[in-house]
Amino acid sequence: MDVELPPFVRDTATRFGTGVPYALKVLAGQLADDPDMGRPSNLPGILTVTVDGDLFEDCPALAVGYIRESDRIEIRYVNPISFTAPAEPVEPVADAQDQEQQDEEPADPTTGAVTVREIADAWQRITGWLQHNAPDSYAALRAGVGPTAIAALEGDLGTRIPVELHVLWLLTAGDDGVDGAGCLPGNWALMTLDAVAATYRLKMDSQAHQDTFDTDRPQDERITVWKATWIPVVALGPADGTSGLYLDAATGYLGRWSRYNEAPGEELDTLVTYLEEAADMLEAPALATRDKPGLIGGALVWLSSIDPAQEYRWQPWTG
């Protein structure tokens, strides 16, 4: 029985710990001998099996999902169990015993596995395009960081880092850009972790300052500058932190932020859909609606925010 590990899964897994590839190699041998060792997951057609991280050096406990066919097995996701997304909040129940039983039910590791796979897949599509078509922009992406750095940032912010940001930052921890242009639509850039922390502190300080003015105001007249669950993710440019997008850890949706304390803007995108649409526009530019990708030399430059002085050099990407 052949056991296959797709490139995007392999690339993601290597960032969870240096011992993870070896753990997966051992698991692959076990699956080849016993293809049905997993149990059904919440994902149709996917079996899941756990890996005890204590058995391998530098390897967290893992939930591994795979599909089983007649002559092969394909591993579809590798998800550190510590990354499992929290369960959706439930309405209070009158029966305390029923509530206690609910609390004792273990979280399904596949809850966050779909998000892990979607983020990794979308980012792989974007970076794969950059590597083949815009090498300068690809080279400007920073390497990913380890779980320790993300945990340190989480402690610094004092708020939970959602699973989608965990995965993205394991893959890349910021975009240094080319000539002031990031690789995301609008030439926006994925923020470095230092920039995330600095912007978060600045906005929380602004909210604390605002709270002093709102002390005597009715609740419905108080102004929200920033919420503790808002985590800045994308900036206007690699060197321009005047505005950007945050991810609301409480809802999973993106919103717009500005250094000038403008009212936060609503976004219908999650981080997954935002990255997936960016990948779609690169792969099928004729169908792009929000922005149009193009090239200046070896750099990706989006039409909506092109420098007028460089417009004559811009070549639209037609696929």
C-alpha atoms as a PDB file:
ATOM      1  CA  MET A   1       0.000   0.000   0.000  1.00  0.00           C
ATOM      2  CA  ASP A   2       1.517   3.325  -1.109  1.00  0.00           C
ATOM      3  CA  VAL A   3       1.296   6.219   1.374  1.00  0.00           C
ATOM      4  CA  GLU A   4       1.488   9.676  -0.243  1.00  0.00           C
ATOM      5  CA  LEU A   5       2.247  13.000   1.462  1.00  0.00           C
ATOM      6  CA  PRO A   6       1.365  16.022  -0.749  1.00  0.00           C
ATOM      7  CA  PRO A   7       3.948  18.837  -0.886  1.00  0.00           C
ATOM      8  CA  PHE A   8       1.787  21.430   0.886  1.00  0.00           C
ATOM      9  CA  VAL A   9       1.191  19.021   3.773  1.00  0.00           C
ATOM     10  CA  ARG A  10       4.901  18.186   3.963  1.00  0.00           C
ATOM     11  CA  ASP A  11       5.905  21.861   3.889  1.00  0.00           C
ATOM     12  CA  THR A  12       3.467  22.701   6.659  1.00  0.00           C
ATOM     13  CA  ALA A  13       4.385  19.697   8.810  1.00  0.00           C
ATOM     14  CA  THR A  14       8.114  20.469   8.836  1.00  0.00           C
ATOM     15  CA  ARG A  15       7.382  23.750  10.608  1.00  0.00           C
ATOM     16  CA  PHE A  16       5.650  22.052  13.527  1.00  0.00           C
ATOM     17  CA  GLY A  17       8.909  20.558  14.800  1.00  0.00           C
ATOM     18  CA  THR A  18      12.067  18.935  13.505  1.00  0.00           C
ATOM     19  CA  GLY A  19      10.864  15.554  14.692  1.00  0.00           C
ATOM     20  CA  VAL A  20       7.571  15.683  12.787  1.00  0.00           C
ATOM     21  CA  PRO A  21       8.905  14.346   9.438  1.00  0.00           C
ATOM     22  CA  TYR A  22      10.328  11.294  11.180  1.00  0.00           C
ATOM     23  CA  ALA A  23       7.083  10.765  13.091  1.00  0.00           C
ATOM     24  CA  LEU A  24       5.163  10.889   9.798  1.00  0.00           C
ATOM     25  CA  LYS A  25       7.606   8.416   8.247  1.00  0.00           C
ATOM     26  CA  VAL A  26       6.925   5.996  11.089  1.00  0.00           C
ATOM     27  CA  LEU A  27       3.190   6.578  10.756  1.00  0.00           C
ATOM     28  CA  ALA A  28       3.345   5.992   6.997  1.00  0.00           C
ATOM     29  CA  GLY A  29       4.873   2.576   7.637  1.00  0.00           C
ATOM     30  CA  GLN A  30       2.115   1.764  10.109  1.00  0.00           C
ATOM     31  CA  LEU A  31      -0.582   2.886   7.679  1.00  0.00           C
ATOM     32  CA  ALA A  32       0.928   0.776   4.894  1.00  0.00           C
ATOM     33  CA  ASP A  33       0.568  -2.273   7.140  1.00  0.00           C
ATOM     34  CA  ASP A  34      -2.808  -1.305   8.608  1.00  0.00           C
ATOM     35  CA  PRO A  35      -4.678   1.143   6.291  1.00  0.00           C
ATOM     36  CA  ASP A  36      -7.789   1.129   8.479  1.00  0.00           C
ATOM     37  CA  MET A  37      -6.088   1.997  11.753  1.00  0.00           C
ATOM     38  CA  GLY A  38      -7.704   5.450  11.796  1.00  0.00           C
ATOM     39  CA  ARG A  39     -11.192   6.331  12.937  1.00  0.00           C
ATOM     40  CA  PRO A  40     -13.849   8.233  10.942  1.00  0.00           C
ATOM     41  CA  SER A  41     -13.619  12.005  11.295  1.00  0.00           C
ATOM     42  CA  ASN A  42     -16.158  14.772  10.811  1.00  0.00           C
ATOM     43  CA  LEU A  43     -14.834  15.196   7.268  1.00  0.00           C
ATOM     44  CA  PRO A  44     -16.463  12.946   4.658  1.00  0.00           C
ATOM     45  CA  GLY A  45     -14.110  10.187   3.515  1.00  0.00           C
ATOM     46  CA  ILE A  46     -11.326  11.205   5.914  1.00  0.00           C
ATOM     47  CA  LEU A  47      -9.933   8.894   8.579  1.00  0.00           C
ATOM     48  CA  THR A  48      -7.929  10.398  11.425  1.00  0.00           C
ATOM     49  CA  VAL A  49      -5.222   8.970  13.643  1.00  0.00           C
ATOM     50  CA  THR A  50      -3.246  10.591  16.439  1.00  0.00           C
ATOM     51  CA  VAL A  51       0.515  10.564  16.982  1.00  0.00           C
ATOM     52  CA  ASP A  52       1.872  10.611  20.524  1.00  0.00           C
ATOM     53  CA  GLY A  53       4.417  13.417  20.519  1.00  0.00           C
ATOM     54  CA  ASP A  54       6.179  12.007  23.580  1.00  0.00           C
ATOM     55  CA  LEU A  55       7.474   9.155  21.419  1.00  0.00           C
ATOM     56  CA  PHE A  56       9.465  11.495  19.173  1.00  0.00           C
ATOM     57  CA  GLU A  57      11.919  14.291  19.904  1.00  0.00           C
ATOM     58  CA  ASP A  58      10.693  17.810  19.003  1.00  0.00           C
ATOM     59  CA  CYS A  59       7.285  16.599  17.867  1.00  0.00           C
ATOM     60  CA  PRO A  60       3.971  17.767  19.331  1.00  0.00           C
ATOM     61  CA  ALA A  61       0.955  15.494  19.588  1.00  0.00           C
ATOM     62  CA  LEU A  62      -0.543  15.322  16.115  1.00  0.00           C
ATOM     63  CA  ALA A  63      -3.881  14.620  14.509  1.00  0.00           C
ATOM     64  CA  VAL A  64      -3.290  13.214  11.019  1.00  0.00           C
ATOM     65  CA  GLY A  65      -6.111  12.899   8.504  1.00  0.00           C
ATOM     66  CA  TYR A  66      -5.933  10.638   5.465  1.00  0.00           C
ATOM     67  CA  ILE A  67      -8.028   9.159   2.694  1.00  0.00           C
ATOM     68  CA  ARG A  68      -7.866   5.438   1.972  1.00  0.00           C
ATOM     69  CA  GLU A  69      -8.310   4.118  -1.550  1.00  0.00           C
ATOM     70  CA  SER A  70      -7.952   0.586  -2.861  1.00  0.00           C
ATOM     71  CA  ASP A  71      -4.269   0.904  -3.733  1.00  0.00           C
ATOM     72  CA  ARG A  72      -3.045   4.003  -1.941  1.00  0.00           C
ATOM     73  CA  ILE A  73      -3.331   6.293   1.073  1.00  0.00           C
ATOM     74  CA  GLU A  74      -3.021  10.069   0.852  1.00  0.00           C
ATOM     75  CA  ILE A  75      -2.380  12.123   3.979  1.00  0.00           C
ATOM     76  CA  ARG A  76      -4.532  15.227   3.711  1.00  0.00           C
ATOM     77  CA  TYR A  77      -3.593  17.176   6.821  1.00  0.00           C
ATOM     78  CA  VAL A  78      -1.247  17.185   9.782  1.00  0.00           C
ATOM     79  CA  ASN A  79      -2.634  19.172  12.660  1.00  0.00           C
ATOM     80  CA  PRO A  80      -0.917  19.751  16.013  1.00  0.00           C
ATOM     81  CA  ILE A  81      -3.623  18.975  18.510  1.00  0.00           C
ATOM     82  CA  SER A  82      -2.723  22.084  20.489  1.00  0.00           C
ATOM     83  CA  PHE A  83      -3.875  24.102  17.440  1.00  0.00           C
ATOM     84  CA  THR A  84      -7.397  22.683  17.572  1.00  0.00           C
ATOM     85  CA  ALA A  85      -9.838  25.556  17.321  1.00  0.00           C
ATOM     86  CA  PRO A  86     -12.174  26.075  20.293  1.00  0.00           C
ATOM     87  CA  ALA A  87     -15.681  24.783  20.065  1.00  0.00           C
ATOM     88  CA  GLU A  88     -18.436  27.190  19.114  1.00  0.00           C
ATOM     89  CA  PRO A  89     -20.076  28.788  22.174  1.00  0.00           C
ATOM     90  CA  VAL A  90     -23.264  27.066  23.282  1.00  0.00           C
ATOM     91  CA  GLU A  91     -26.365  28.487  24.890  1.00  0.00           C
ATOM     92  CA  PRO A  92     -26.589  28.023  28.671  1.00  0.00           C
ATOM     93  CA  VAL A  93     -28.536  24.943  29.685  1.00  0.00           C
ATOM     94  CA  ALA A  94     -30.723  24.493  32.720  1.00  0.00           C
ATOM     95  CA  ASP A  95     -29.459  21.040  33.607  1.00  0.00           C
ATOM     96  CA  ALA A  96     -26.011  21.335  35.217  1.00  0.00           C
ATOM     97  CA  GLN A  97     -25.401  17.606  34.816  1.00  0.00           C
ATOM     98  CA  ASP A  98     -25.947  17.840  31.051  1.00  0.00           C
ATOM     99  CA  GLN A  99     -23.530  20.784  30.917  1.00  0.00           C
ATOM    100  CA  GLU A 100     -20.909  18.793  32.845  1.00  0.00           C
ATOM    101  CA  GLN A 101     -21.226  15.947  30.353  1.00  0.00           C
ATOM    102  CA  GLN A 102     -20.753  18.382  27.464  1.00  0.00           C
ATOM    103  CA  ASP A 103     -17.640  19.814  29.114  1.00  0.00           C
ATOM    104  CA  GLU A 104     -16.151  16.337  29.443  1.00  0.00           C
ATOM    105  CA  GLU A 105     -16.482  15.569  25.731  1.00  0.00           C
ATOM    106  CA  PRO A 106     -13.066  15.891  24.047  1.00  0.00           C
ATOM    107  CA  ALA A 107     -12.673  18.335  21.194  1.00  0.00           C
ATOM    108  CA  ASP A 108     -12.539  16.733  17.765  1.00  0.00           C
ATOM    109  CA  PRO A 109      -9.027  17.293  16.326  1.00  0.00           C
ATOM    110  CA  THR A 110     -10.561  17.785  12.886  1.00  0.00           C
ATOM    111  CA  THR A 111     -12.255  21.002  14.047  1.00  0.00           C
ATOM    112  CA  GLY A 112      -9.151  23.040  13.217  1.00  0.00           C
ATOM    113  CA  ALA A 113      -7.720  20.624  10.670  1.00  0.00           C
ATOM    114  CA  VAL A 114      -9.786  22.002   7.801  1.00  0.00           C
ATOM    115  CA  THR A 115      -8.500  25.507   8.536  1.00  0.00           C
ATOM    116  CA  VAL A 116      -4.912  24.241   8.747  1.00  0.00           C
ATOM    117  CA  ARG A 117      -5.231  22.589   5.350  1.00  0.00           C
ATOM    118  CA  GLU A 118      -7.003  25.566   3.728  1.00  0.00           C
ATOM    119  CA  ILE A 119      -4.474  28.151   4.937  1.00  0.00           C
ATOM    120  CA  ALA A 120      -1.523  25.969   3.931  1.00  0.00           C
ATOM    121  CA  ASP A 121      -3.039  25.225   0.531  1.00  0.00           C
ATOM    122  CA  ALA A 122      -3.917  28.870  -0.241  1.00  0.00           C
ATOM    123  CA  TRP A 123      -0.485  30.122   0.816  1.00  0.00           C
ATOM    124  CA  GLN A 124       1.233  27.371  -1.166  1.00  0.00           C
ATOM    125  CA  ARG A 125      -0.682  28.501  -4.269  1.00  0.00           C
ATOM    126  CA  ILE A 126       0.404  32.121  -3.733  1.00  0.00           C
ATOM    127  CA  THR A 127       4.057  31.340  -3.049  1.00  0.00           C
ATOM    128  CA  GLY A 128       4.182  28.789  -5.847  1.00  0.00           C
ATOM    129  CA  TRP A 129       3.021  31.473  -8.277  1.00  0.00           C
ATOM    130  CA  LEU A 130       5.541  33.963  -6.895  1.00  0.00           C
ATOM    131  CA  GLN A 131       8.397  31.483  -7.121  1.00  0.00           C
ATOM    132  CA  HIS A 132       7.741  30.803 -10.802  1.00  0.00           C
ATOM    133  CA  ASN A 133       6.637  34.271 -11.969  1.00  0.00           C
ATOM    134  CA  ALA A 134       7.810  36.943  -9.511  1.00  0.00           C
ATOM    135  CA  PRO A 135      11.061  35.703  -7.913  1.00  0.00           C
ATOM    136  CA  ASP A 136      11.885  39.095  -6.381  1.00  0.00           C
ATOM    137  CA  SER A 137       8.601  39.117  -4.473  1.00  0.00           C
ATOM    138  CA  TYR A 138       9.107  35.507  -3.466  1.00  0.00           C
ATOM    139  CA  ALA A 139      12.570  36.304  -2.107  1.00  0.00           C
ATOM    140  CA  ALA A 140      11.114  39.172  -0.035  1.00  0.00           C
ATOM    141  CA  LEU A 141       8.972  36.797   2.034  1.00  0.00           C
ATOM    142  CA  ARG A 142      10.426  36.047   5.434  1.00  0.00           C
ATOM    143  CA  ALA A 143      10.881  32.516   6.673  1.00  0.00           C
ATOM    144  CA  GLY A 144       8.331  31.140   9.066  1.00  0.00           C
ATOM    145  CA  VAL A 145       8.837  31.184  12.815  1.00  0.00           C
ATOM    146  CA  GLY A 146       8.525  28.339  15.279  1.00  0.00           C
ATOM    147  CA  PRO A 147       5.746  27.681  17.794  1.00  0.00           C
ATOM    148  CA  THR A 148       7.861  29.242  20.574  1.00  0.00           C
ATOM    149  CA  ALA A 149       7.923  32.639  18.836  1.00  0.00           C
ATOM    150  CA  ILE A 150       4.180  32.529  18.265  1.00  0.00           C
ATOM    151  CA  ALA A 151       3.560  31.561  21.880  1.00  0.00           C
ATOM    152  CA  ALA A 152       5.741  34.504  22.979  1.00  0.00           C
ATOM    153  CA  LEU A 153       3.701  36.874  20.824  1.00  0.00           C
ATOM    154  CA  GLU A 154       0.501  35.425  22.251  1.00  0.00           C
ATOM    155  CA  GLY A 155       1.802  36.133  25.746  1.00  0.00           C
ATOM    156  CA  ASP A 156       2.817  39.647  24.716  1.00  0.00           C
ATOM    157  CA  LEU A 157      -0.615  40.422  23.302  1.00  0.00           C
ATOM    158  CA  GLY A 158      -2.465  38.651  26.082  1.00  0.00           C
ATOM    159  CA  THR A 159      -4.984  37.197  23.657  1.00  0.00           C
ATOM    160  CA  ARG A 160      -5.392  33.869  21.884  1.00  0.00           C
ATOM    161  CA  ILE A 161      -3.766  33.550  18.462  1.00  0.00           C
ATOM    162  CA  PRO A 162      -6.256  31.800  16.136  1.00  0.00           C
ATOM    163  CA  VAL A 163      -5.246  28.600  14.397  1.00  0.00           C
ATOM    164  CA  GLU A 164      -5.203  30.258  10.965  1.00  0.00           C
ATOM    165  CA  LEU A 165      -2.555  32.754  12.104  1.00  0.00           C
ATOM    166  CA  HIS A 166      -0.552  30.006  13.791  1.00  0.00           C
ATOM    167  CA  VAL A 167      -0.340  28.145  10.502  1.00  0.00           C
ATOM    168  CA  LEU A 168       0.356  31.199   8.344  1.00  0.00           C
ATOM    169  CA  TRP A 169       3.146  32.429  10.607  1.00  0.00           C
ATOM    170  CA  LEU A 170       4.705  28.982  10.676  1.00  0.00           C
ATOM    171  CA  LEU A 171       4.888  29.258   6.880  1.00  0.00           C
ATOM    172  CA  THR A 172       6.025  32.879   6.668  1.00  0.00           C
ATOM    173  CA  ALA A 173       6.489  35.601   9.254  1.00  0.00           C
ATOM    174  CA  GLY A 174       6.171  38.724   7.141  1.00  0.00           C
ATOM    175  CA  ASP A 175       6.782  40.320   3.768  1.00  0.00           C
ATOM    176  CA  ASP A 176       9.663  42.792   3.309  1.00  0.00           C
ATOM    177  CA  GLY A 177       8.302  43.713  -0.112  1.00  0.00           C
ATOM    178  CA  VAL A 178       9.939  45.035  -3.254  1.00  0.00           C
ATOM    179  CA  ASP A 179      10.161  48.818  -3.794  1.00  0.00           C
ATOM    180  CA  GLY A 180       7.478  49.364  -1.158  1.00  0.00           C
ATOM    181  CA  ALA A 181       5.031  46.854  -2.620  1.00  0.00           C
ATOM    182  CA  GLY A 182       3.846  43.756  -0.780  1.00  0.00           C
ATOM    183  CA  CYS A 183       2.569  40.659  -2.542  1.00  0.00           C
ATOM    184  CA  LEU A 184      -1.069  40.809  -1.416  1.00  0.00           C
ATOM    185  CA  PRO A 185      -3.841  42.595  -3.389  1.00  0.00           C
ATOM    186  CA  GLY A 186      -3.475  46.355  -3.316  1.00  0.00           C
ATOM    187  CA  ASN A 187       0.276  45.766  -2.816  1.00  0.00           C
ATOM    188  CA  TRP A 188      -0.467  45.246   0.865  1.00  0.00           C
ATOM    189  CA  ALA A 189       1.974  43.221   2.933  1.00  0.00           C
ATOM    190  CA  LEU A 190       1.803  40.529   5.566  1.00  0.00           C
ATOM    191  CA  MET A 191       3.074  42.164   8.758  1.00  0.00           C
ATOM    192  CA  THR A 192       6.124  40.959  10.650  1.00  0.00           C
ATOM    193  CA  LEU A 193       5.510  39.709  14.190  1.00  0.00           C
ATOM    194  CA  ASP A 194       7.325  42.749  15.613  1.00  0.00           C
ATOM    195  CA  ALA A 195       5.013  45.028  13.635  1.00  0.00           C
ATOM    196  CA  VAL A 196       1.991  43.049  14.823  1.00  0.00           C
ATOM    197  CA  ALA A 197       3.000  43.530  18.454  1.00  0.00           C
ATOM    198  CA  ALA A 198       3.840  47.235  18.037  1.00  0.00           C
ATOM    199  CA  THR A 199       0.586  48.029  16.223  1.00  0.00           C
ATOM    200  CA  TYR A 200      -1.466  46.063  18.737  1.00  0.00           C
ATOM    201  CA  ARG A 201       0.060  47.948  21.672  1.00  0.00           C
ATOM    202  CA  LEU A 202      -0.474  51.283  19.920  1.00  0.00           C
ATOM    203  CA  LYS A 203      -4.134  50.548  19.254  1.00  0.00           C
ATOM    204  CA  MET A 204      -4.785  49.205  22.757  1.00  0.00           C
ATOM    205  CA  ASP A 205      -3.218  52.383  24.184  1.00  0.00           C
ATOM    206  CA  SER A 206      -5.525  54.423  21.962  1.00  0.00           C
ATOM    207  CA  GLN A 207      -8.515  52.482  23.291  1.00  0.00           C
ATOM    208  CA  ALA A 208      -7.413  53.039  26.889  1.00  0.00           C
ATOM    209  CA  HIS A 209      -7.109  56.767  26.165  1.00  0.00           C
ATOM    210  CA  GLN A 210     -10.559  56.757  24.592  1.00  0.00           C
ATOM    211  CA  ASP A 211     -11.990  54.950  27.612  1.00  0.00           C
ATOM    212  CA  THR A 212     -11.050  57.919  29.824  1.00  0.00           C
ATOM    213  CA  PHE A 213     -13.311  60.146  27.718  1.00  0.00           C
ATOM    214  CA  ASP A 214     -16.116  57.598  27.697  1.00  0.00           C
ATOM    215  CA  THR A 215     -16.313  57.099  31.463  1.00  0.00           C
ATOM    216  CA  ASP A 216     -19.390  59.287  31.924  1.00  0.00           C
ATOM    217  CA  ARG A 217     -20.982  58.540  28.564  1.00  0.00           C
ATOM    218  CA  PRO A 218     -23.916  56.160  28.100  1.00  0.00           C
ATOM    219  CA  GLN A 219     -22.886  52.725  26.856  1.00  0.00           C
ATOM    220  CA  ASP A 220     -24.356  53.275  23.392  1.00  0.00           C
ATOM    221  CA  GLU A 221     -22.333  56.483  22.938  1.00  0.00           C
ATOM    222  CA  ARG A 222     -18.939  55.020  23.786  1.00  0.00           C
ATOM    223  CA  ILE A 223     -16.410  54.729  20.977  1.00  0.00           C
ATOM    224  CA  THR A 224     -14.577  51.518  20.109  1.00  0.00           C
ATOM    225  CA  VAL A 225     -11.102  52.172  18.769  1.00  0.00           C
ATOM    226  CA  TRP A 226      -9.793  48.656  19.284  1.00  0.00           C
ATOM    227  CA  LYS A 227     -10.805  45.365  20.858  1.00  0.00           C
ATOM    228  CA  ALA A 228      -8.466  42.981  22.642  1.00  0.00           C
ATOM    229  CA  THR A 229      -9.394  40.197  20.208  1.00  0.00           C
ATOM    230  CA  TRP A 230      -8.353  42.203  17.134  1.00  0.00           C
ATOM    231  CA  ILE A 231      -4.946  41.089  15.859  1.00  0.00           C
ATOM    232  CA  PRO A 232      -3.313  43.168  13.083  1.00  0.00           C
ATOM    233  CA  VAL A 233      -2.231  40.960  10.198  1.00  0.00           C
ATOM    234  CA  VAL A 234      -1.830  42.952   6.974  1.00  0.00           C
ATOM    235  CA  ALA A 235      -0.466  46.487   6.494  1.00  0.00           C
ATOM    236  CA  LEU A 236      -0.830  48.999   3.684  1.00  0.00           C
ATOM    237  CA  GLY A 237       2.761  48.290   2.686  1.00  0.00           C
ATOM    238  CA  PRO A 238       5.974  46.732   4.007  1.00  0.00           C
ATOM    239  CA  ALA A 239       7.057  50.113   5.369  1.00  0.00           C
ATOM    240  CA  ASP A 240       3.636  51.752   5.707  1.00  0.00           C
ATOM    241  CA  GLY A 241       1.758  50.854   8.870  1.00  0.00           C
ATOM    242  CA  THR A 242      -0.859  53.597   8.698  1.00  0.00           C
ATOM    243  CA  SER A 243      -3.680  51.165   7.950  1.00  0.00           C
ATOM    244  CA  GLY A 244      -4.370  47.538   7.197  1.00  0.00           C
ATOM    245  CA  LEU A 245      -6.439  44.511   8.146  1.00  0.00           C
ATOM    246  CA  TYR A 246      -6.916  42.824  11.490  1.00  0.00           C
ATOM    247  CA  LEU A 247      -8.243  39.354  12.273  1.00  0.00           C
ATOM    248  CA  ASP A 248     -10.889  39.215  14.987  1.00  0.00           C
ATOM    249  CA  ALA A 249      -9.997  36.152  17.078  1.00  0.00           C
ATOM    250  CA  ALA A 250     -13.545  36.091  18.444  1.00  0.00           C
ATOM    251  CA  THR A 251     -15.355  35.921  15.101  1.00  0.00           C
ATOM    252  CA  GLY A 252     -12.733  34.763  12.592  1.00  0.00           C
ATOM    253  CA  TYR A 253     -13.454  37.699  10.268  1.00  0.00           C
ATOM    254  CA  LEU A 254     -11.145  40.404   8.967  1.00  0.00           C
ATOM    255  CA  GLY A 255     -11.692  44.109   9.529  1.00  0.00           C
ATOM    256  CA  ARG A 256      -9.941  47.328   8.559  1.00  0.00           C
ATOM    257  CA  TRP A 257      -7.821  49.371  10.953  1.00  0.00           C
ATOM    258  CA  SER A 258      -6.196  52.776  10.679  1.00  0.00           C
ATOM    259  CA  ARG A 259      -3.605  54.564  12.765  1.00  0.00           C
ATOM    260  CA  TYR A 260      -5.775  57.668  12.628  1.00  0.00           C
ATOM    261  CA  ASN A 261      -8.518  56.010  14.687  1.00  0.00           C
ATOM    262  CA  GLU A 262     -10.995  56.004  11.859  1.00  0.00           C
ATOM    263  CA  ALA A 263     -14.007  53.817  12.468  1.00  0.00           C
ATOM    264  CA  PRO A 264     -13.133  50.137  11.932  1.00  0.00           C
ATOM    265  CA  GLY A 265     -14.419  48.797   8.641  1.00  0.00           C
ATOM    266  CA  GLU A 266     -16.358  45.595   8.223  1.00  0.00           C
ATOM    267  CA  GLU A 267     -14.970  42.829   6.016  1.00  0.00           C
ATOM    268  CA  LEU A 268     -16.813  39.705   4.922  1.00  0.00           C
ATOM    269  CA  ASP A 269     -13.581  37.793   4.419  1.00  0.00           C
ATOM    270  CA  THR A 270     -11.965  35.286   6.709  1.00  0.00           C
ATOM    271  CA  LEU A 271      -8.219  34.894   6.431  1.00  0.00           C
ATOM    272  CA  VAL A 272      -8.851  31.707   4.444  1.00  0.00           C
ATOM    273  CA  THR A 273     -11.161  33.348   1.894  1.00  0.00           C
ATOM    274  CA  TYR A 274      -8.875  36.392   1.649  1.00  0.00           C
ATOM    275  CA  LEU A 275      -5.839  34.275   0.768  1.00  0.00           C
ATOM    276  CA  GLU A 276      -7.860  31.977  -1.490  1.00  0.00           C
ATOM    277  CA  GLU A 277      -9.148  34.943  -3.495  1.00  0.00           C
ATOM    278  CA  ALA A 278      -5.615  36.330  -3.838  1.00  0.00           C
ATOM    279  CA  ALA A 279      -4.504  32.946  -5.174  1.00  0.00           C
ATOM    280  CA  ASP A 280      -7.495  32.810  -7.524  1.00  0.00           C
ATOM    281  CA  MET A 281      -6.660  36.235  -8.973  1.00  0.00           C
ATOM    282  CA  LEU A 282      -3.074  35.177  -9.647  1.00  0.00           C
ATOM    283  CA  GLU A 283      -4.068  31.904 -11.273  1.00  0.00           C
ATOM    284  CA  ALA A 284      -7.051  33.270 -13.242  1.00  0.00           C
ATOM    285  CA  PRO A 285      -6.441  37.026 -13.745  1.00  0.00           C
ATOM    286  CA  ALA A 286      -9.170  37.298 -16.387  1.00  0.00           C
ATOM    287  CA  LEU A 287     -11.719  36.524 -13.678  1.00  0.00           C
ATOM    288  CA  ALA A 288     -10.236  38.866 -11.077  1.00  0.00           C
ATOM    289  CA  THR A 289     -12.630  41.530  -9.807  1.00  0.00           C
ATOM    290  CA  ARG A 290     -11.024  43.233  -6.809  1.00  0.00           C
ATOM    291  CA  ASP A 291      -7.609  43.849  -8.376  1.00  0.00           C
ATOM    292  CA  LYS A 292      -5.416  42.901 -11.319  1.00  0.00           C
ATOM    293  CA  PRO A 293      -1.973  41.334 -10.939  1.00  0.00           C
ATOM    294  CA  GLY A 294       0.977  42.345 -13.060  1.00  0.00           C
ATOM    295  CA  LEU A 295       4.763  42.420 -13.105  1.00  0.00           C
ATOM    296  CA  ILE A 296       7.488  45.029 -12.939  1.00  0.00           C
ATOM    297  CA  GLY A 297      10.648  43.099 -13.585  1.00  0.00           C
ATOM    298  CA  GLY A 298      10.657  40.196 -11.172  1.00  0.00           C
ATOM    299  CA  ALA A 299       8.167  41.714  -8.732  1.00  0.00           C
ATOM    300  CA  LEU A 300       4.413  41.254  -8.431  1.00  0.00           C
ATOM    301  CA  VAL A 301       2.643  44.621  -8.550  1.00  0.00           C
ATOM    302  CA  TRP A 302      -1.131  44.972  -8.293  1.00  0.00           C
ATOM    303  CA  LEU A 303      -2.790  47.502 -10.582  1.00  0.00           C
ATOM    304  CA  SER A 304      -4.932  49.270  -7.960  1.00  0.00           C
ATOM    305  CA  SER A 305      -1.931  50.713  -6.120  1.00  0.00           C
ATOM    306  CA  ILE A 306       0.735  50.995  -8.765  1.00  0.00           C
ATOM    307  CA  ASP A 307       3.206  53.886  -8.481  1.00  0.00           C
ATOM    308  CA  PRO A 308       2.284  56.250 -11.375  1.00  0.00           C
ATOM    309  CA  ALA A 309       5.982  56.762 -12.053  1.00  0.00           C
ATOM    310  CA  GLN A 310       6.333  53.020 -12.678  1.00  0.00           C
ATOM    311  CA  GLU A 311       3.108  52.495 -14.594  1.00  0.00           C
ATOM    312  CA  TYR A 312       4.839  52.427 -17.971  1.00  0.00           C
ATOM    313  CA  ARG A 313       6.892  49.441 -16.838  1.00  0.00           C
ATOM    314  CA  TRP A 314       3.923  47.463 -15.563  1.00  0.00           C
ATOM    315  CA  GLN A 315       3.027  44.356 -17.543  1.00  0.00           C
ATOM    316  CA  PRO A 316      -0.381  42.819 -16.854  1.00  0.00           C
ATOM    317  CA  TRP A 317      -0.365  39.144 -15.976  1.00  0.00           C
ATOM    318  CA  THR A 318      -2.605  37.224 -18.349  1.00  0.00           C
ATOM    319  CA  GLY A 319      -1.917  33.691 -17.185  1.00  0.00           C
END
